[in-house]
Amino acid sequence: MSWWSYLTSSENYWGSDGILNLIREHVAFSGFALLIVVVIALPLGVTLGHFHRGSVIVLGLANLGRAVPSFGVIVIFAVSAWGLNFATLTATLVLFALPQVLTNAYTGVAEADSATVQAARGIGMGHWGVLWRVELRSAVPLIASGIRSAAVQIVAVATIAGYAGAGGLGQIVFRAYASNLPGEQVGGAILVVALALAVQIVLGLVQRTVTPAPMRRTGLIFRNRVALPQPAAA
């Protein structure tokens, strides 16, 4: 069976192992990991950026996240006492995506226009008033970009969940590989790419919606932006 025949055969879309159910599992699995990342990284990055503290730590985490391959972390979990399961795969996705959201949140707040911040403080705004009404407003595009990029990467890496039998579209790829069905394997890979592109487009529209109108720049806010904070001068 060719990849085209696999993707256009209606019987492949239904049932517990059907494409539609596997897409649902893949989205749920990825969304859960992204939620954990946002809950941890967003408040931490925003708070550190507001107080201009921890730039060295944030930069170190960002570099570590780019240097350590997700597959290597999965192998470590696989040979450990925990084994390869839903929990360890979720931990891998969180570790992989957290530095990007943390870095963008930190930099977006820390690099808010200093003149505007000083003016807000001059009219009597406190720390949290400046954060909510000035710094976060200017940081929204960068924060949204970090979340969008992390979401796309999570969707791609979550394919490995199929190897552990945790569900998702990766199950198609690994099952087809084990059964020597190249057409089905390619079809599964195409579905992963299509899902990642769909997430990219949807979150790009969300990013544009939440960005204040004066800050919108066509072609800029739809671009993946990964901010790297610079360590504070000694």
Protein backbone atom coordinates (compact mmCIF):
# COMPACT_ATOMS: atom_id res chain seq x y z
CA MET A 1 0.00 0.00 0.00
CA SER A 2 1.35 3.42 -0.98
CA TRP A 3 1.22 6.41 1.38
CA TRP A 4 -1.48 7.94 -0.81
CA SER A 5 -3.65 4.84 -0.60
CA TYR A 6 -3.18 4.72 3.17
CA LEU A 7 -4.19 8.35 3.66
CA THR A 8 -7.18 8.21 1.30
CA SER A 9 -8.68 4.93 2.58
CA SER A 10 -11.60 5.79 4.86
CA GLU A 11 -11.29 2.57 6.87
CA ASN A 12 -7.91 3.75 8.20
CA TYR A 13 -9.55 6.68 10.00
CA TRP A 14 -11.87 4.84 12.38
CA GLY A 15 -11.45 2.65 15.45
CA SER A 16 -9.07 2.78 18.39
CA ASP A 17 -6.07 2.53 16.06
CA GLY A 18 -7.60 4.80 13.42
CA ILE A 19 -5.98 8.02 12.29
CA LEU A 20 -8.61 10.29 13.88
CA ASN A 21 -8.22 8.70 17.31
CA LEU A 22 -4.43 8.77 17.06
CA ILE A 23 -4.54 12.47 16.14
CA ARG A 24 -6.72 13.09 19.21
CA GLU A 25 -4.22 11.23 21.41
CA HIS A 26 -1.30 13.11 19.87
CA VAL A 27 -2.94 16.50 20.48
CA ALA A 28 -3.92 15.57 24.05
CA PHE A 29 -0.43 14.27 24.84
CA SER A 30 1.27 17.33 23.36
CA GLY A 31 -1.19 19.77 24.91
CA PHE A 32 -0.65 18.30 28.37
CA ALA A 33 3.12 18.69 28.07
CA LEU A 34 2.76 22.25 26.76
CA LEU A 35 0.44 23.15 29.64
CA ILE A 36 3.05 21.99 32.16
CA VAL A 37 5.72 24.02 30.35
CA VAL A 38 3.61 27.19 30.38
CA VAL A 39 2.60 26.79 34.04
CA ILE A 40 6.26 26.43 35.09
CA ALA A 41 8.15 28.65 32.66
CA LEU A 42 5.82 31.61 32.15
CA PRO A 43 5.49 32.85 35.77
CA LEU A 44 9.17 32.17 36.43
CA GLY A 45 10.39 33.94 33.31
CA VAL A 46 8.09 36.93 33.78
CA THR A 47 9.06 37.37 37.45
CA LEU A 48 12.81 37.06 36.79
CA GLY A 49 12.54 39.43 33.84
CA HIS A 50 10.65 42.02 35.87
CA PHE A 51 13.26 42.07 38.62
CA HIS A 52 16.17 41.63 36.16
CA ARG A 53 17.49 38.64 38.07
CA GLY A 54 18.73 35.24 36.98
CA SER A 55 19.86 36.08 33.45
CA VAL A 56 22.84 33.72 33.73
CA ILE A 57 20.56 30.88 34.88
CA VAL A 58 18.03 31.52 32.10
CA LEU A 59 20.77 31.67 29.47
CA GLY A 60 22.29 28.47 30.81
CA LEU A 61 18.97 26.65 30.65
CA ALA A 62 18.38 27.92 27.11
CA ASN A 63 21.78 26.66 25.94
CA LEU A 64 21.32 23.35 27.77
CA GLY A 65 17.95 22.83 26.14
CA ARG A 66 19.51 23.26 22.72
CA ALA A 67 22.57 21.15 23.44
CA VAL A 68 20.89 18.06 24.91
CA PRO A 69 19.03 15.99 22.27
CA SER A 70 15.57 14.82 23.26
CA PHE A 71 16.29 11.32 21.95
CA GLY A 72 19.27 11.07 24.30
CA VAL A 73 17.06 11.92 27.27
CA ILE A 74 14.54 9.29 26.18
CA VAL A 75 17.28 6.64 25.97
CA ILE A 76 18.42 7.55 29.48
CA PHE A 77 14.86 7.11 30.76
CA ALA A 78 14.49 3.85 28.83
CA VAL A 79 17.49 2.23 30.52
CA SER A 80 16.66 3.66 33.95
CA ALA A 81 14.51 2.14 36.68
CA TRP A 82 11.58 4.33 35.52
CA GLY A 83 11.49 2.87 32.04
CA LEU A 84 9.88 4.40 28.97
CA ASN A 85 6.26 5.31 29.71
CA PHE A 86 3.77 8.17 29.54
CA ALA A 87 5.29 9.97 32.54
CA THR A 88 8.90 9.82 31.36
CA LEU A 89 7.96 10.83 27.82
CA THR A 90 6.02 13.80 29.19
CA ALA A 91 9.05 14.76 31.29
CA THR A 92 11.20 14.61 28.16
CA LEU A 93 8.87 16.92 26.24
CA VAL A 94 8.73 19.37 29.16
CA LEU A 95 12.52 19.44 29.54
CA PHE A 96 12.87 19.94 25.79
CA ALA A 97 10.39 22.83 25.45
CA LEU A 98 10.69 24.63 28.80
CA PRO A 99 13.90 26.62 28.05
CA GLN A 100 12.38 28.30 25.00
CA VAL A 101 9.26 29.56 26.79
CA LEU A 102 11.30 30.59 29.83
CA THR A 103 13.83 32.49 27.72
CA ASN A 104 11.25 34.36 25.66
CA ALA A 105 9.21 35.29 28.74
CA TYR A 106 12.30 36.54 30.55
CA THR A 107 13.65 38.55 27.63
CA GLY A 108 10.29 39.99 26.59
CA VAL A 109 9.76 41.48 30.06
CA ALA A 110 13.37 42.38 30.83
CA GLU A 111 13.80 44.27 27.54
CA ALA A 112 10.65 46.37 27.83
CA ASP A 113 11.31 50.00 26.84
CA SER A 114 13.12 51.52 29.82
CA ALA A 115 11.77 55.04 29.18
CA THR A 116 8.19 53.78 29.28
CA VAL A 117 8.88 51.79 32.43
CA GLN A 118 10.43 54.80 34.15
CA ALA A 119 7.51 57.00 33.10
CA ALA A 120 5.05 54.47 34.56
CA ARG A 121 6.95 54.45 37.83
CA GLY A 122 7.08 58.24 37.77
CA ILE A 123 3.28 58.48 37.80
CA GLY A 124 3.10 56.23 40.84
CA MET A 125 2.79 52.68 39.48
CA GLY A 126 4.15 49.96 41.73
CA HIS A 127 6.11 46.87 40.69
CA TRP A 128 3.08 44.83 39.68
CA GLY A 129 1.33 47.75 38.00
CA VAL A 130 4.40 48.27 35.79
CA LEU A 131 4.57 44.55 35.10
CA TRP A 132 0.92 44.11 34.12
CA ARG A 133 0.30 47.39 32.31
CA VAL A 134 3.66 48.06 30.64
CA GLU A 135 6.15 45.19 30.57
CA LEU A 136 3.76 42.34 29.83
CA ARG A 137 2.04 44.38 27.12
CA SER A 138 5.30 44.82 25.26
CA ALA A 139 6.37 41.22 25.93
CA VAL A 140 3.21 39.56 24.56
CA PRO A 141 4.53 39.00 20.99
CA LEU A 142 7.76 37.39 22.20
CA ILE A 143 6.01 35.27 24.83
CA ALA A 144 3.42 34.07 22.31
CA SER A 145 6.16 33.29 19.81
CA GLY A 146 8.01 31.18 22.36
CA ILE A 147 4.88 29.21 23.22
CA ARG A 148 4.07 28.67 19.54
CA SER A 149 7.54 27.45 18.68
CA ALA A 150 7.61 25.16 21.74
CA ALA A 151 4.21 23.72 20.78
CA VAL A 152 5.37 22.85 17.26
CA GLN A 153 8.52 21.19 18.59
CA ILE A 154 6.52 19.22 21.16
CA VAL A 155 4.17 17.92 18.47
CA ALA A 156 7.16 16.76 16.41
CA VAL A 157 9.05 15.13 19.30
CA ALA A 158 5.87 13.55 20.72
CA THR A 159 5.98 11.18 17.76
CA ILE A 160 8.40 9.12 19.83
CA ALA A 161 5.50 8.33 22.18
CA GLY A 162 4.41 5.76 19.63
CA TYR A 163 7.59 3.80 20.30
CA ALA A 164 6.55 3.35 23.93
CA GLY A 165 2.98 2.48 23.01
CA ALA A 166 1.72 5.72 24.56
CA GLY A 167 -0.40 6.47 21.50
CA GLY A 168 -0.33 9.29 19.01
CA LEU A 169 0.66 9.42 15.37
CA GLY A 170 4.06 7.95 16.12
CA GLN A 171 2.30 4.63 16.64
CA ILE A 172 1.62 4.53 12.90
CA VAL A 173 5.26 5.18 12.05
CA PHE A 174 6.77 2.62 14.43
CA ARG A 175 4.12 -0.01 13.74
CA ALA A 176 4.68 0.33 10.00
CA TYR A 177 8.45 0.17 10.46
CA ALA A 178 8.18 -3.04 12.49
CA SER A 179 5.85 -4.57 9.87
CA ASN A 180 7.92 -3.37 6.89
CA LEU A 181 5.15 -1.18 5.47
CA PRO A 182 6.98 1.81 3.98
CA GLY A 183 3.83 3.38 2.50
CA GLU A 184 2.08 3.44 5.85
CA GLN A 185 5.25 4.69 7.52
CA VAL A 186 5.51 7.63 5.12
CA GLY A 187 1.80 8.32 5.56
CA GLY A 188 2.28 8.53 9.35
CA ALA A 189 5.19 10.91 8.91
CA ILE A 190 3.09 13.13 6.61
CA LEU A 191 0.35 13.26 9.24
CA VAL A 192 2.86 14.40 11.88
CA VAL A 193 4.12 17.16 9.58
CA ALA A 194 0.57 18.22 8.73
CA LEU A 195 -0.37 18.40 12.43
CA ALA A 196 2.74 20.44 13.24
CA LEU A 197 1.93 22.88 10.42
CA ALA A 198 -1.67 23.16 11.62
CA VAL A 199 -0.47 23.99 15.14
CA GLN A 200 1.94 26.54 13.68
CA ILE A 201 -0.83 28.28 11.74
CA VAL A 202 -3.43 28.24 14.52
CA LEU A 203 -1.05 29.53 17.19
CA GLY A 204 0.28 32.10 14.72
CA LEU A 205 -3.24 33.48 14.39
CA VAL A 206 -3.62 33.46 18.17
CA GLN A 207 -0.32 35.28 18.48
CA ARG A 208 -1.48 37.95 16.09
CA THR A 209 -4.79 38.29 17.95
CA VAL A 210 -3.23 38.80 21.39
CA THR A 211 -0.57 41.20 20.13
CA PRO A 212 -1.56 44.86 20.62
CA ALA A 213 -2.43 46.45 17.28
CA PRO A 214 0.36 49.08 17.32
CA MET A 215 2.95 46.32 17.79
CA ARG A 216 1.84 44.15 14.88
CA ARG A 217 4.35 43.82 12.08
CA THR A 218 3.34 41.67 9.13
CA GLY A 219 5.90 38.94 8.60
CA LEU A 220 7.56 39.49 11.96
CA ILE A 221 5.14 38.16 14.55
CA PHE A 222 4.55 35.02 12.51
CA ARG A 223 8.26 34.27 12.50
CA ASN A 224 9.69 31.98 15.16
CA ARG A 225 11.67 34.19 17.47
CA VAL A 226 13.93 32.73 20.12
CA ALA A 227 15.33 35.36 22.42
CA LEU A 228 18.59 34.86 24.24
CA PRO A 229 19.17 37.00 27.30
CA GLN A 230 22.62 38.39 27.85
CA PRO A 231 24.29 37.81 31.23
CA ALA A 232 24.39 40.87 33.44
CA ALA A 233 27.65 42.74 33.43
CA ALA A 234 29.88 42.06 36.39
